[in-house]
Amino acid sequence: QSWPPASPDLPQPFLFNGFAKDGSRLLMLLPCLINIDFKPEDYSRALVRLLDAEIDLADTVRLTVLLDCRGHHSLGCPAEPIWKLWAYVKAFSKVFQSNYPERLQRFVVYPAGSVEMGAFRTLKWLFSKETLKRVALLYEERGNSAESPPAELLEYIDGREIRSENRKFFKGMCDA
């Protein structure tokens, strides 16, 4: 399908990295970069364009999506409440379920505080059972106000696989 070109003002919340410990490609999602003046469909098309550009259609590589719930104030991006971004997360899920059903290896949400955990419990019925099997929530008491990702993230990633331009999002984890 041919998509209309993305607006040059559309912030890019998706960042590719190297490989997870299980061999899947790492795709980071920074919801704090989502500008709610744009529609979820705009971001969904941007995700499809990015995946099509990064991964050959014939390739069988799977993806581990790292959803970082934190705000990144150095980028001028505070953390947004989940209810403001839910339509976007749901749209991204549909992209994977409809266009890349076998590509999603794992979906890791961090740092998930009580708000994020509660939102997941409330809204998980919207996802297929197969998708839910691939979701991992990494609890952190401070939730999206935590300064760094939880140490449990290292069960899924090797800091050396994070691209140098993305290391700022993994403070204390990519010093290898």
C-alpha atoms as a PDB file:
ATOM      1  CA  GLN A   1       0.000   0.000   0.000  1.00  0.00           C
ATOM      2  CA  SER A   2       1.192   3.514  -0.781  1.00  0.00           C
ATOM      3  CA  TRP A   3       0.927   5.875   2.180  1.00  0.00           C
ATOM      4  CA  PRO A   4       0.765   9.649   1.931  1.00  0.00           C
ATOM      5  CA  PRO A   5       4.035  11.293   2.976  1.00  0.00           C
ATOM      6  CA  ALA A   6       4.418  12.050   6.665  1.00  0.00           C
ATOM      7  CA  SER A   7       4.251  15.614   7.858  1.00  0.00           C
ATOM      8  CA  PRO A   8       7.760  16.965   8.426  1.00  0.00           C
ATOM      9  CA  ASP A   9       6.488  18.131  11.839  1.00  0.00           C
ATOM     10  CA  LEU A  10       5.506  14.621  12.955  1.00  0.00           C
ATOM     11  CA  PRO A  11       7.826  13.633  15.831  1.00  0.00           C
ATOM     12  CA  GLN A  12       9.321  10.149  15.437  1.00  0.00           C
ATOM     13  CA  PRO A  13       8.702   8.102  18.612  1.00  0.00           C
ATOM     14  CA  PHE A  14      10.161   4.874  17.151  1.00  0.00           C
ATOM     15  CA  LEU A  15      13.892   4.164  17.324  1.00  0.00           C
ATOM     16  CA  PHE A  16      15.606   1.045  16.021  1.00  0.00           C
ATOM     17  CA  ASN A  17      18.521  -0.451  17.900  1.00  0.00           C
ATOM     18  CA  GLY A  18      20.513  -3.669  17.604  1.00  0.00           C
ATOM     19  CA  PHE A  19      19.296  -7.064  18.771  1.00  0.00           C
ATOM     20  CA  ALA A  20      17.690  -8.397  21.952  1.00  0.00           C
ATOM     21  CA  LYS A  21      19.272 -11.315  23.782  1.00  0.00           C
ATOM     22  CA  ASP A  22      16.828 -13.674  22.025  1.00  0.00           C
ATOM     23  CA  GLY A  23      17.996 -12.488  18.576  1.00  0.00           C
ATOM     24  CA  SER A  24      14.984 -10.291  17.774  1.00  0.00           C
ATOM     25  CA  ARG A  25      15.477  -6.683  16.593  1.00  0.00           C
ATOM     26  CA  LEU A  26      15.005  -3.937  19.176  1.00  0.00           C
ATOM     27  CA  LEU A  27      12.458  -1.237  18.389  1.00  0.00           C
ATOM     28  CA  MET A  28      12.088   1.432  21.025  1.00  0.00           C
ATOM     29  CA  LEU A  29       8.852   3.386  21.457  1.00  0.00           C
ATOM     30  CA  LEU A  30       8.973   6.712  23.305  1.00  0.00           C
ATOM     31  CA  PRO A  31       5.367   7.763  23.900  1.00  0.00           C
ATOM     32  CA  CYS A  32       6.556  11.084  25.361  1.00  0.00           C
ATOM     33  CA  LEU A  33       7.472  12.103  21.796  1.00  0.00           C
ATOM     34  CA  ILE A  34       3.911  11.660  20.543  1.00  0.00           C
ATOM     35  CA  ASN A  35       2.297  14.960  19.646  1.00  0.00           C
ATOM     36  CA  ILE A  36      -1.444  14.533  20.233  1.00  0.00           C
ATOM     37  CA  ASP A  37      -2.145  17.202  17.599  1.00  0.00           C
ATOM     38  CA  PHE A  38      -1.477  14.391  15.116  1.00  0.00           C
ATOM     39  CA  LYS A  39      -3.888  11.484  14.738  1.00  0.00           C
ATOM     40  CA  PRO A  40      -3.046   7.906  15.760  1.00  0.00           C
ATOM     41  CA  GLU A  41      -3.306   6.982  12.060  1.00  0.00           C
ATOM     42  CA  ASP A  42      -0.474   9.419  11.236  1.00  0.00           C
ATOM     43  CA  TYR A  43       1.792   7.605  13.668  1.00  0.00           C
ATOM     44  CA  SER A  44       0.605   4.178  12.506  1.00  0.00           C
ATOM     45  CA  ARG A  45       1.551   5.031   8.925  1.00  0.00           C
ATOM     46  CA  ALA A  46       4.921   6.324  10.155  1.00  0.00           C
ATOM     47  CA  LEU A  47       5.469   3.000  11.957  1.00  0.00           C
ATOM     48  CA  VAL A  48       4.636   1.008   8.813  1.00  0.00           C
ATOM     49  CA  ARG A  49       6.982   3.190   6.719  1.00  0.00           C
ATOM     50  CA  LEU A  50       9.772   2.711   9.261  1.00  0.00           C
ATOM     51  CA  LEU A  51       9.311  -1.063   9.458  1.00  0.00           C
ATOM     52  CA  ASP A  52       9.172  -1.357   5.680  1.00  0.00           C
ATOM     53  CA  ALA A  53      12.378   0.708   5.369  1.00  0.00           C
ATOM     54  CA  GLU A  54      14.272  -1.195   8.096  1.00  0.00           C
ATOM     55  CA  ILE A  55      13.129  -4.755   7.490  1.00  0.00           C
ATOM     56  CA  ASP A  56      12.928  -6.533   4.173  1.00  0.00           C
ATOM     57  CA  LEU A  57       9.496  -8.071   3.608  1.00  0.00           C
ATOM     58  CA  ALA A  58      11.063 -11.489   2.942  1.00  0.00           C
ATOM     59  CA  ASP A  59      13.100 -11.323   6.164  1.00  0.00           C
ATOM     60  CA  THR A  60      11.763 -13.410   9.040  1.00  0.00           C
ATOM     61  CA  VAL A  61      13.282 -11.281  11.799  1.00  0.00           C
ATOM     62  CA  ARG A  62      11.095 -10.747  14.834  1.00  0.00           C
ATOM     63  CA  LEU A  63      10.860  -7.596  16.955  1.00  0.00           C
ATOM     64  CA  THR A  64      11.119  -6.801  20.634  1.00  0.00           C
ATOM     65  CA  VAL A  65       9.382  -3.486  21.261  1.00  0.00           C
ATOM     66  CA  LEU A  66      10.642  -1.526  24.260  1.00  0.00           C
ATOM     67  CA  LEU A  67       7.996   0.945  25.424  1.00  0.00           C
ATOM     68  CA  ASP A  68       9.650   3.486  27.721  1.00  0.00           C
ATOM     69  CA  CYS A  69       6.873   5.133  29.784  1.00  0.00           C
ATOM     70  CA  ARG A  70       9.143   7.871  31.104  1.00  0.00           C
ATOM     71  CA  GLY A  71       9.236  11.468  30.031  1.00  0.00           C
ATOM     72  CA  HIS A  72      12.535  12.765  28.696  1.00  0.00           C
ATOM     73  CA  HIS A  73      12.829  16.326  29.901  1.00  0.00           C
ATOM     74  CA  SER A  74      16.160  16.835  28.115  1.00  0.00           C
ATOM     75  CA  LEU A  75      14.149  16.528  24.888  1.00  0.00           C
ATOM     76  CA  GLY A  76      11.411  18.799  26.210  1.00  0.00           C
ATOM     77  CA  CYS A  77       9.072  15.820  26.481  1.00  0.00           C
ATOM     78  CA  PRO A  78       7.324  15.195  29.785  1.00  0.00           C
ATOM     79  CA  ALA A  79       5.647  11.872  30.445  1.00  0.00           C
ATOM     80  CA  GLU A  80       2.034  11.891  29.299  1.00  0.00           C
ATOM     81  CA  PRO A  81      -0.729  10.102  31.198  1.00  0.00           C
ATOM     82  CA  ILE A  82      -1.671   6.777  29.600  1.00  0.00           C
ATOM     83  CA  TRP A  83      -5.267   7.859  28.965  1.00  0.00           C
ATOM     84  CA  LYS A  84      -4.030  10.657  26.678  1.00  0.00           C
ATOM     85  CA  LEU A  85      -2.007   8.203  24.608  1.00  0.00           C
ATOM     86  CA  TRP A  86      -4.186   5.114  24.712  1.00  0.00           C
ATOM     87  CA  ALA A  87      -5.599   5.605  21.204  1.00  0.00           C
ATOM     88  CA  TYR A  88      -2.031   5.705  19.868  1.00  0.00           C
ATOM     89  CA  VAL A  89      -0.874   2.571  21.703  1.00  0.00           C
ATOM     90  CA  LYS A  90      -3.999   0.765  20.503  1.00  0.00           C
ATOM     91  CA  ALA A  91      -3.308   1.898  16.907  1.00  0.00           C
ATOM     92  CA  PHE A  92       0.288   0.601  17.121  1.00  0.00           C
ATOM     93  CA  SER A  93      -0.989  -2.713  18.431  1.00  0.00           C
ATOM     94  CA  LYS A  94      -3.352  -2.957  15.457  1.00  0.00           C
ATOM     95  CA  VAL A  95      -0.446  -2.307  13.078  1.00  0.00           C
ATOM     96  CA  PHE A  96       1.378  -5.315  14.495  1.00  0.00           C
ATOM     97  CA  GLN A  97      -1.690  -7.550  14.704  1.00  0.00           C
ATOM     98  CA  SER A  98      -2.852  -6.703  11.165  1.00  0.00           C
ATOM     99  CA  ASN A  99       0.361  -6.194   9.200  1.00  0.00           C
ATOM    100  CA  TYR A 100       3.090  -7.996  11.142  1.00  0.00           C
ATOM    101  CA  PRO A 101       1.308 -10.704  13.169  1.00  0.00           C
ATOM    102  CA  GLU A 102       4.302 -13.004  13.419  1.00  0.00           C
ATOM    103  CA  ARG A 103       6.927 -10.301  13.841  1.00  0.00           C
ATOM    104  CA  LEU A 104       6.258  -9.361  17.452  1.00  0.00           C
ATOM    105  CA  GLN A 105       8.510 -11.433  19.711  1.00  0.00           C
ATOM    106  CA  ARG A 106       7.993  -9.410  22.856  1.00  0.00           C
ATOM    107  CA  PHE A 107       6.514  -6.100  24.014  1.00  0.00           C
ATOM    108  CA  VAL A 108       8.323  -4.796  27.121  1.00  0.00           C
ATOM    109  CA  VAL A 109       6.707  -1.903  29.002  1.00  0.00           C
ATOM    110  CA  TYR A 110       8.866  -0.063  31.554  1.00  0.00           C
ATOM    111  CA  PRO A 111       9.020   1.455  34.094  1.00  0.00           C
ATOM    112  CA  ALA A 112       5.461   0.439  34.910  1.00  0.00           C
ATOM    113  CA  GLY A 113       4.193   1.995  38.123  1.00  0.00           C
ATOM    114  CA  SER A 114       0.826   1.443  39.724  1.00  0.00           C
ATOM    115  CA  VAL A 115      -0.903   3.699  37.157  1.00  0.00           C
ATOM    116  CA  GLU A 116       0.521   1.804  34.180  1.00  0.00           C
ATOM    117  CA  MET A 117      -0.125  -1.576  35.822  1.00  0.00           C
ATOM    118  CA  GLY A 118      -3.730  -0.587  36.568  1.00  0.00           C
ATOM    119  CA  ALA A 119      -4.259   0.720  33.023  1.00  0.00           C
ATOM    120  CA  PHE A 120      -2.932  -2.550  31.614  1.00  0.00           C
ATOM    121  CA  ARG A 121      -5.217  -4.651  33.805  1.00  0.00           C
ATOM    122  CA  THR A 122      -8.193  -2.504  32.803  1.00  0.00           C
ATOM    123  CA  LEU A 123      -7.485  -2.415  29.075  1.00  0.00           C
ATOM    124  CA  LYS A 124      -5.837  -5.761  28.328  1.00  0.00           C
ATOM    125  CA  TRP A 125      -9.126  -7.164  27.007  1.00  0.00           C
ATOM    126  CA  LEU A 126      -8.520  -5.036  23.893  1.00  0.00           C
ATOM    127  CA  PHE A 127      -5.551  -7.199  22.881  1.00  0.00           C
ATOM    128  CA  SER A 128      -5.539 -10.675  21.428  1.00  0.00           C
ATOM    129  CA  LYS A 129      -4.517 -13.540  23.718  1.00  0.00           C
ATOM    130  CA  GLU A 130      -1.494 -14.185  21.511  1.00  0.00           C
ATOM    131  CA  THR A 131      -0.348 -10.574  21.890  1.00  0.00           C
ATOM    132  CA  LEU A 132      -0.867 -10.677  25.665  1.00  0.00           C
ATOM    133  CA  LYS A 133       1.442 -13.691  25.919  1.00  0.00           C
ATOM    134  CA  ARG A 134       4.224 -11.495  24.528  1.00  0.00           C
ATOM    135  CA  VAL A 135       3.775  -8.555  26.917  1.00  0.00           C
ATOM    136  CA  ALA A 136       6.138  -8.017  29.850  1.00  0.00           C
ATOM    137  CA  LEU A 137       5.542  -5.176  32.310  1.00  0.00           C
ATOM    138  CA  LEU A 138       8.586  -4.241  34.374  1.00  0.00           C
ATOM    139  CA  TYR A 139       7.395  -2.746  37.642  1.00  0.00           C
ATOM    140  CA  GLU A 140       9.078   0.304  39.139  1.00  0.00           C
ATOM    141  CA  GLU A 141       7.500   2.013  42.129  1.00  0.00           C
ATOM    142  CA  ARG A 142       8.109   5.513  40.697  1.00  0.00           C
ATOM    143  CA  GLY A 143       6.527   4.537  37.368  1.00  0.00           C
ATOM    144  CA  ASN A 144       7.071   7.025  34.572  1.00  0.00           C
ATOM    145  CA  SER A 145       8.946   9.404  36.883  1.00  0.00           C
ATOM    146  CA  ALA A 146      11.802   6.910  37.392  1.00  0.00           C
ATOM    147  CA  GLU A 147      15.162   8.297  36.314  1.00  0.00           C
ATOM    148  CA  SER A 148      16.397   5.145  34.629  1.00  0.00           C
ATOM    149  CA  PRO A 149      15.006   1.901  33.257  1.00  0.00           C
ATOM    150  CA  PRO A 150      14.596  -0.960  35.754  1.00  0.00           C
ATOM    151  CA  ALA A 151      17.529  -3.360  36.003  1.00  0.00           C
ATOM    152  CA  GLU A 152      15.222  -6.210  34.875  1.00  0.00           C
ATOM    153  CA  LEU A 153      15.399  -4.755  31.370  1.00  0.00           C
ATOM    154  CA  LEU A 154      18.863  -6.327  31.130  1.00  0.00           C
ATOM    155  CA  GLU A 155      17.145  -9.735  31.050  1.00  0.00           C
ATOM    156  CA  TYR A 156      16.016  -8.783  27.527  1.00  0.00           C
ATOM    157  CA  ILE A 157      18.755  -6.511  26.189  1.00  0.00           C
ATOM    158  CA  ASP A 158      22.513  -6.172  26.100  1.00  0.00           C
ATOM    159  CA  GLY A 159      23.566  -2.536  26.504  1.00  0.00           C
ATOM    160  CA  ARG A 160      26.159  -2.942  23.736  1.00  0.00           C
ATOM    161  CA  GLU A 161      23.291  -3.449  21.254  1.00  0.00           C
ATOM    162  CA  ILE A 162      21.873   0.027  21.842  1.00  0.00           C
ATOM    163  CA  ARG A 163      22.808   2.507  19.125  1.00  0.00           C
ATOM    164  CA  SER A 164      25.047   5.301  20.376  1.00  0.00           C
ATOM    165  CA  GLU A 165      22.438   7.996  19.622  1.00  0.00           C
ATOM    166  CA  ASN A 166      19.915   6.144  21.813  1.00  0.00           C
ATOM    167  CA  ARG A 167      22.132   5.433  24.831  1.00  0.00           C
ATOM    168  CA  LYS A 168      20.815   8.508  26.645  1.00  0.00           C
ATOM    169  CA  PHE A 169      17.551   6.601  27.164  1.00  0.00           C
ATOM    170  CA  PHE A 170      19.371   3.753  28.962  1.00  0.00           C
ATOM    171  CA  LYS A 171      21.270   5.744  31.595  1.00  0.00           C
ATOM    172  CA  GLY A 172      23.501   3.418  33.611  1.00  0.00           C
ATOM    173  CA  MET A 173      22.808   0.374  31.400  1.00  0.00           C
ATOM    174  CA  CYS A 174      24.916   0.996  28.301  1.00  0.00           C
ATOM    175  CA  ASP A 175      28.296   1.647  29.835  1.00  0.00           C
ATOM    176  CA  ALA A 176      29.802  -1.493  28.295  1.00  0.00           C
END
